[in-house]
Amino acid sequence: MSAKKASKDDCDCETDNESLANILIDFVKDELLKSNIRYEIVKPILIYILYYLIPFILLLMILNFITTIIAVYIVFKYLL
């Protein structure tokens, strides 16, 4: 009688391990499906562009505008 109980307990232990493995596999699948590439990879790149590249471009635009104003001043003062 006790031999039958032991084999039944072993079987329950195996099904518990399988169900635990299935739960872990489902959890990992869900987490992988929830992860969004856009927010994990693209967003840091956009932040980099926002804080470093855009001010540099604005600085170049301002310098270009100032040099154009100086060039127009020189043309009107000395050539006309």
N, C-alpha and C. Protein backbone atom coordinates (compact mmCIF):
# COMPACT_ATOMS: atom_id res chain seq x y z
N MET A 1 0.80 -1.18 0.00
CA MET A 1 0.00 0.00 0.00
C MET A 1 0.86 1.26 0.00
N SER A 2 1.89 1.25 0.82
CA SER A 2 2.75 2.43 0.88
C SER A 2 3.53 2.60 -0.41
N ALA A 3 3.78 1.51 -1.13
CA ALA A 3 4.49 1.60 -2.41
C ALA A 3 3.63 2.35 -3.42
N LYS A 4 2.34 2.10 -3.40
CA LYS A 4 1.44 2.80 -4.32
C LYS A 4 1.39 4.29 -3.99
N LYS A 5 1.38 4.62 -2.71
CA LYS A 5 1.36 6.03 -2.32
C LYS A 5 2.64 6.73 -2.74
N ALA A 6 3.77 6.06 -2.59
CA ALA A 6 5.05 6.66 -2.95
C ALA A 6 5.10 6.93 -4.45
N SER A 7 4.63 6.00 -5.25
CA SER A 7 4.66 6.23 -6.70
C SER A 7 3.69 7.34 -7.08
N LYS A 8 2.56 7.43 -6.39
CA LYS A 8 1.62 8.50 -6.66
C LYS A 8 2.21 9.85 -6.27
N ASP A 9 2.92 9.91 -5.15
CA ASP A 9 3.58 11.15 -4.74
C ASP A 9 4.65 11.55 -5.73
N ASP A 10 5.40 10.57 -6.25
CA ASP A 10 6.41 10.86 -7.27
C ASP A 10 5.77 11.44 -8.51
N CYS A 11 4.65 10.89 -8.88
CA CYS A 11 3.94 11.38 -10.07
C CYS A 11 3.45 12.81 -9.84
N ASP A 12 2.94 13.09 -8.66
CA ASP A 12 2.50 14.45 -8.35
C ASP A 12 3.66 15.43 -8.39
N CYS A 13 4.81 14.97 -7.92
CA CYS A 13 5.99 15.82 -7.93
C CYS A 13 6.41 16.14 -9.36
N GLU A 14 6.34 15.15 -10.25
CA GLU A 14 6.70 15.37 -11.65
C GLU A 14 5.73 16.34 -12.32
N THR A 15 4.45 16.17 -12.06
CA THR A 15 3.48 17.09 -12.67
C THR A 15 3.64 18.49 -12.09
N ASP A 16 3.99 18.59 -10.82
CA ASP A 16 4.25 19.91 -10.24
C ASP A 16 5.44 20.57 -10.90
N ASN A 17 6.50 19.79 -11.15
CA ASN A 17 7.68 20.34 -11.82
C ASN A 17 7.35 20.77 -13.24
N GLU A 18 6.55 19.95 -13.93
CA GLU A 18 6.16 20.30 -15.30
C GLU A 18 5.29 21.56 -15.31
N SER A 19 4.36 21.64 -14.37
CA SER A 19 3.50 22.82 -14.33
C SER A 19 4.30 24.06 -13.95
N LEU A 20 5.27 23.91 -13.05
CA LEU A 20 6.14 25.03 -12.70
C LEU A 20 6.97 25.47 -13.91
N ALA A 21 7.47 24.49 -14.66
CA ALA A 21 8.24 24.81 -15.86
C ALA A 21 7.35 25.52 -16.88
N ASN A 22 6.13 25.05 -17.03
CA ASN A 22 5.20 25.70 -17.97
C ASN A 22 4.87 27.12 -17.53
N ILE A 23 4.71 27.32 -16.24
CA ILE A 23 4.44 28.66 -15.72
C ILE A 23 5.62 29.58 -16.00
N LEU A 24 6.84 29.09 -15.76
CA LEU A 24 8.03 29.91 -16.03
C LEU A 24 8.18 30.21 -17.51
N ILE A 25 7.93 29.20 -18.35
CA ILE A 25 8.03 29.42 -19.80
C ILE A 25 6.99 30.44 -20.25
N ASP A 26 5.77 30.33 -19.76
CA ASP A 26 4.74 31.30 -20.12
C ASP A 26 5.10 32.70 -19.65
N PHE A 27 5.67 32.80 -18.46
CA PHE A 27 6.08 34.11 -17.94
C PHE A 27 7.15 34.73 -18.82
N VAL A 28 8.15 33.94 -19.20
CA VAL A 28 9.22 34.46 -20.05
C VAL A 28 8.67 34.87 -21.41
N LYS A 29 7.78 34.07 -21.97
CA LYS A 29 7.16 34.43 -23.26
C LYS A 29 6.41 35.75 -23.15
N ASP A 30 5.63 35.90 -22.09
CA ASP A 30 4.86 37.13 -21.91
C ASP A 30 5.78 38.34 -21.77
N GLU A 31 6.84 38.19 -21.01
CA GLU A 31 7.77 39.31 -20.82
C GLU A 31 8.47 39.68 -22.12
N LEU A 32 8.82 38.68 -22.91
CA LEU A 32 9.46 38.97 -24.20
C LEU A 32 8.49 39.64 -25.16
N LEU A 33 7.24 39.22 -25.11
CA LEU A 33 6.25 39.83 -25.99
C LEU A 33 5.88 41.23 -25.53
N LYS A 34 5.94 41.49 -24.23
CA LYS A 34 5.61 42.82 -23.71
C LYS A 34 6.69 43.84 -24.01
N SER A 35 7.95 43.39 -24.09
CA SER A 35 9.04 44.33 -24.29
C SER A 35 8.89 44.99 -25.66
N ASN A 36 9.02 46.28 -25.66
CA ASN A 36 8.82 47.04 -26.88
C ASN A 36 10.16 47.59 -27.32
N ILE A 37 10.57 47.19 -28.52
CA ILE A 37 11.88 47.60 -29.04
C ILE A 37 11.94 49.11 -29.18
N ARG A 38 10.83 49.72 -29.55
CA ARG A 38 10.83 51.17 -29.76
C ARG A 38 11.25 51.92 -28.51
N TYR A 39 10.72 51.53 -27.37
CA TYR A 39 11.01 52.26 -26.14
C TYR A 39 12.33 51.86 -25.51
N GLU A 40 12.81 50.66 -25.81
CA GLU A 40 14.05 50.21 -25.19
C GLU A 40 15.29 50.58 -26.00
N ILE A 41 15.15 50.73 -27.31
CA ILE A 41 16.31 51.01 -28.15
C ILE A 41 16.21 52.39 -28.78
N VAL A 42 15.07 52.71 -29.36
CA VAL A 42 14.93 53.96 -30.11
C VAL A 42 14.87 55.16 -29.18
N LYS A 43 14.20 55.04 -28.05
CA LYS A 43 14.04 56.18 -27.15
C LYS A 43 15.37 56.73 -26.63
N PRO A 44 16.33 55.89 -26.20
CA PRO A 44 17.62 56.47 -25.79
C PRO A 44 18.34 57.18 -26.93
N ILE A 45 18.17 56.68 -28.15
CA ILE A 45 18.79 57.36 -29.30
C ILE A 45 18.13 58.71 -29.52
N LEU A 46 16.82 58.77 -29.38
CA LEU A 46 16.12 60.04 -29.55
C LEU A 46 16.51 61.03 -28.46
N ILE A 47 16.70 60.55 -27.26
CA ILE A 47 17.15 61.43 -26.18
C ILE A 47 18.54 61.96 -26.48
N TYR A 48 19.41 61.10 -27.01
CA TYR A 48 20.75 61.54 -27.40
C TYR A 48 20.66 62.64 -28.45
N ILE A 49 19.81 62.44 -29.44
CA ILE A 49 19.65 63.45 -30.49
C ILE A 49 19.08 64.73 -29.91
N LEU A 50 18.12 64.60 -29.02
CA LEU A 50 17.47 65.77 -28.45
C LEU A 50 18.44 66.63 -27.66
N TYR A 51 19.27 66.02 -26.85
CA TYR A 51 20.12 66.79 -25.95
C TYR A 51 21.48 67.18 -26.53
N TYR A 52 21.95 66.47 -27.54
CA TYR A 52 23.29 66.76 -28.05
C TYR A 52 23.29 67.26 -29.49
N LEU A 53 22.52 66.66 -30.34
CA LEU A 53 22.59 67.00 -31.76
C LEU A 53 21.80 68.26 -32.09
N ILE A 54 20.61 68.41 -31.54
CA ILE A 54 19.78 69.57 -31.87
C ILE A 54 20.43 70.88 -31.41
N PRO A 55 20.97 71.01 -30.22
CA PRO A 55 21.66 72.27 -29.88
C PRO A 55 22.85 72.56 -30.78
N PHE A 56 23.57 71.54 -31.19
CA PHE A 56 24.70 71.73 -32.10
C PHE A 56 24.21 72.26 -33.45
N ILE A 57 23.12 71.72 -33.96
CA ILE A 57 22.56 72.20 -35.23
C ILE A 57 22.07 73.63 -35.08
N LEU A 58 21.42 73.94 -33.97
CA LEU A 58 20.96 75.32 -33.75
C LEU A 58 22.13 76.29 -33.68
N LEU A 59 23.20 75.89 -33.05
CA LEU A 59 24.40 76.74 -32.98
C LEU A 59 24.96 76.99 -34.38
N LEU A 60 25.00 75.96 -35.21
CA LEU A 60 25.47 76.15 -36.59
C LEU A 60 24.55 77.08 -37.37
N MET A 61 23.25 76.96 -37.15
CA MET A 61 22.31 77.85 -37.85
C MET A 61 22.51 79.30 -37.42
N ILE A 62 22.70 79.54 -36.15
CA ILE A 62 22.92 80.91 -35.65
C ILE A 62 24.22 81.48 -36.20
N LEU A 63 25.29 80.66 -36.20
CA LEU A 63 26.56 81.13 -36.76
C LEU A 63 26.44 81.44 -38.24
N ASN A 64 25.70 80.62 -38.97
CA ASN A 64 25.49 80.87 -40.39
C ASN A 64 24.72 82.17 -40.59
N PHE A 65 23.72 82.41 -39.79
CA PHE A 65 22.94 83.64 -39.90
C PHE A 65 23.82 84.86 -39.61
N ILE A 66 24.62 84.78 -38.56
CA ILE A 66 25.49 85.92 -38.19
C ILE A 66 26.51 86.20 -39.28
N THR A 67 27.12 85.14 -39.84
CA THR A 67 28.11 85.37 -40.90
C THR A 67 27.45 85.92 -42.16
N THR A 68 26.23 85.54 -42.43
CA THR A 68 25.51 86.10 -43.58
C THR A 68 25.24 87.58 -43.37
N ILE A 69 24.83 87.96 -42.17
CA ILE A 69 24.60 89.37 -41.87
C ILE A 69 25.90 90.16 -42.02
N ILE A 70 27.01 89.62 -41.53
CA ILE A 70 28.31 90.30 -41.66
C ILE A 70 28.70 90.43 -43.13
N ALA A 71 28.47 89.37 -43.93
CA ALA A 71 28.81 89.43 -45.35
C ALA A 71 27.98 90.48 -46.07
N VAL A 72 26.70 90.57 -45.77
CA VAL A 72 25.84 91.59 -46.40
C VAL A 72 26.30 92.98 -45.98
N TYR A 73 26.67 93.17 -44.74
CA TYR A 73 27.18 94.46 -44.27
C TYR A 73 28.45 94.86 -45.02
N ILE A 74 29.36 93.91 -45.18
CA ILE A 74 30.61 94.20 -45.90
C ILE A 74 30.33 94.58 -47.35
N VAL A 75 29.43 93.85 -47.99
CA VAL A 75 29.10 94.15 -49.39
C VAL A 75 28.49 95.54 -49.50
N PHE A 76 27.55 95.88 -48.66
CA PHE A 76 26.92 97.19 -48.77
C PHE A 76 27.85 98.32 -48.38
N LYS A 77 28.77 98.09 -47.47
CA LYS A 77 29.65 99.16 -47.02
C LYS A 77 30.77 99.44 -48.03
N TYR A 78 31.40 98.40 -48.56
CA TYR A 78 32.60 98.62 -49.38
C TYR A 78 32.35 98.54 -50.88
N LEU A 79 31.32 97.85 -51.33
CA LEU A 79 31.13 97.71 -52.77
C LEU A 79 30.06 98.63 -53.33
N LEU A 80 29.20 99.14 -52.50
CA LEU A 80 28.15 100.02 -53.03
C LEU A 80 28.32 101.45 -52.60
